[in-house]
Amino acid sequence: MPTRSNALWHIQSGYVRTVTWSPEGDSIPLGFWSAGDRVGEAISQISLYEVQCLSEVIAQALDISDGFSRESVMAQVQQSNDLLRIVHCRQMKLRLLQFVCWLANRFGQLTEEGLTVPIKLIHQDIADAIGATK
């Protein structure tokens, strides 16, 4: 999704992740978002910022001159805190378990087969999110 410093995206359906990059060029996930969330460089205050679609997405561009809600900012802070807590867990197995549980709590949908997370992530996406190598 195109990003502009003066715009936000209001996700109406689908799943996205927001990322930045380390000085070495490694992807650093900033958050995972779905319907109802608002994302954008203006909220994150990170200049190397990208919104990546993880599914088919419908989103509405919003101009920041309309302002953004306290809830949008707090959602960014909460996700940053959650992901930092996960990535700083010392045991890799526990880190992975915590990330999967976080995804299930945030995006899980109850089906006849159990709880499913409808986000398609590749191994590298998960490794980036938990600070691991493949």
Protein backbone atom coordinates (compact mmCIF):
# COMPACT_ATOMS: atom_id res chain seq x y z
CA MET A 1 0.00 0.00 0.00
CA PRO A 2 1.40 3.42 -0.79
CA THR A 3 2.45 5.45 2.23
CA ARG A 4 2.52 9.20 2.62
CA SER A 5 3.64 11.11 5.69
CA ASN A 6 0.38 13.10 5.67
CA ALA A 7 -2.05 10.18 5.33
CA LEU A 8 -3.42 7.25 7.27
CA TRP A 9 -5.06 4.07 6.08
CA HIS A 10 -8.27 2.91 7.71
CA ILE A 11 -8.34 -0.86 7.18
CA GLN A 12 -11.87 -1.92 6.29
CA SER A 13 -11.15 -5.58 5.57
CA GLY A 14 -8.16 -7.85 5.29
CA TYR A 15 -4.83 -8.02 7.10
CA VAL A 16 -1.68 -5.91 6.86
CA ARG A 17 1.59 -5.63 8.68
CA THR A 18 3.61 -2.48 9.13
CA VAL A 19 7.39 -2.67 8.87
CA THR A 20 10.57 -0.66 8.97
CA TRP A 21 14.16 -1.73 8.33
CA SER A 22 17.32 -2.06 10.36
CA PRO A 23 20.53 -0.35 9.17
CA GLU A 24 21.56 -3.78 7.80
CA GLY A 25 18.39 -3.93 5.70
CA ASP A 26 16.51 -6.47 7.81
CA SER A 27 12.74 -6.16 8.03
CA ILE A 28 11.42 -5.15 11.47
CA PRO A 29 7.68 -5.70 11.96
CA LEU A 30 5.99 -2.85 13.79
CA GLY A 31 2.54 -4.40 13.97
CA PHE A 32 -0.15 -6.58 12.46
CA TRP A 33 -3.50 -4.97 11.70
CA SER A 34 -7.02 -5.78 10.53
CA ALA A 35 -10.46 -4.28 9.98
CA GLY A 36 -11.08 -1.15 12.02
CA ASP A 37 -7.41 -0.33 12.55
CA ARG A 38 -5.71 2.82 11.32
CA VAL A 39 -2.09 2.72 10.26
CA GLY A 40 0.37 5.16 8.78
CA GLU A 41 3.70 6.87 9.10
CA ALA A 42 1.99 9.80 10.83
CA ILE A 43 1.05 7.60 13.80
CA SER A 44 4.25 5.57 13.98
CA GLN A 45 6.58 8.55 13.50
CA ILE A 46 9.05 6.27 11.70
CA SER A 47 10.22 7.57 8.33
CA LEU A 48 11.25 4.21 6.82
CA TYR A 49 7.73 2.80 6.98
CA GLU A 50 5.76 0.43 4.79
CA VAL A 51 2.32 -1.15 4.96
CA GLN A 52 2.39 -4.67 3.51
CA CYS A 53 -0.80 -6.53 2.63
CA LEU A 54 -1.05 -10.06 4.04
CA SER A 55 -4.36 -10.73 2.29
CA GLU A 56 -6.73 -8.95 -0.03
CA VAL A 57 -7.28 -5.58 1.66
CA ILE A 58 -9.85 -2.84 1.38
CA ALA A 59 -8.68 0.39 2.99
CA GLN A 60 -9.67 4.02 2.93
CA ALA A 61 -7.06 6.77 2.75
CA LEU A 62 -7.53 9.45 5.40
CA ASP A 63 -5.84 12.83 5.55
CA ILE A 64 -4.18 13.56 8.89
CA SER A 65 -5.51 17.10 8.80
CA ASP A 66 -8.69 15.48 10.14
CA GLY A 67 -6.60 14.27 13.08
CA PHE A 68 -6.38 10.78 14.46
CA SER A 69 -7.85 9.30 17.55
CA ARG A 70 -6.19 8.56 20.83
CA GLU A 71 -7.34 4.95 20.32
CA SER A 72 -5.29 4.69 17.10
CA VAL A 73 -2.16 5.90 18.86
CA MET A 74 -2.75 3.65 21.86
CA ALA A 75 -3.24 0.63 19.56
CA GLN A 76 0.20 1.33 18.05
CA VAL A 77 1.76 1.62 21.50
CA GLN A 78 0.07 -1.56 22.74
CA GLN A 79 1.24 -3.61 19.75
CA SER A 80 4.77 -2.27 20.10
CA ASN A 81 4.76 -3.26 23.76
CA ASP A 82 3.36 -6.72 23.00
CA LEU A 83 5.87 -7.44 20.24
CA LEU A 84 8.80 -6.12 22.31
CA ARG A 85 7.80 -8.35 25.22
CA ILE A 86 7.70 -11.35 22.88
CA VAL A 87 11.01 -10.65 21.12
CA HIS A 88 12.83 -10.23 24.44
CA CYS A 89 11.87 -13.65 25.72
CA ARG A 90 15.16 -15.57 26.02
CA GLN A 91 13.99 -19.01 24.92
CA MET A 92 13.21 -19.22 21.21
CA LYS A 93 10.53 -21.90 21.65
CA LEU A 94 8.75 -19.74 24.20
CA ARG A 95 9.10 -16.70 21.92
CA LEU A 96 7.43 -18.60 19.09
CA LEU A 97 4.69 -19.89 21.38
CA GLN A 98 4.00 -16.40 22.72
CA PHE A 99 3.81 -14.97 19.20
CA VAL A 100 1.39 -17.66 18.02
CA CYS A 101 -0.76 -17.12 21.12
CA TRP A 102 -0.68 -13.36 20.53
CA LEU A 103 -1.81 -13.87 16.91
CA ALA A 104 -4.60 -16.19 18.09
CA ASN A 105 -5.79 -13.69 20.71
CA ARG A 106 -5.67 -10.79 18.26
CA PHE A 107 -6.97 -12.41 15.07
CA GLY A 108 -8.21 -15.90 15.94
CA GLN A 109 -11.57 -17.05 14.63
CA LEU A 110 -13.49 -19.91 16.19
CA THR A 111 -14.39 -22.61 13.65
CA GLU A 112 -15.64 -26.19 13.88
CA GLU A 113 -11.99 -27.34 13.71
CA GLY A 114 -10.96 -25.02 16.55
CA LEU A 115 -9.30 -21.63 16.62
CA THR A 116 -7.78 -20.54 13.31
CA VAL A 117 -5.69 -17.50 12.46
CA PRO A 118 -6.60 -16.36 8.93
CA ILE A 119 -3.32 -14.51 8.30
CA LYS A 120 -0.95 -16.13 5.83
CA LEU A 121 2.60 -15.69 7.11
CA ILE A 122 5.71 -17.25 5.63
CA HIS A 123 8.55 -18.55 7.80
CA GLN A 124 10.53 -15.35 7.29
CA ASP A 125 7.59 -13.20 8.47
CA ILE A 126 7.45 -15.18 11.71
CA ALA A 127 11.24 -15.13 12.11
CA ASP A 128 11.26 -11.34 11.63
CA ALA A 129 8.48 -10.90 14.19
CA ILE A 130 10.21 -12.92 16.90
CA GLY A 131 13.80 -11.89 16.16
CA ALA A 132 14.94 -15.30 14.90
CA THR A 133 16.77 -16.65 11.90
CA LYS A 134 15.19 -19.28 9.69
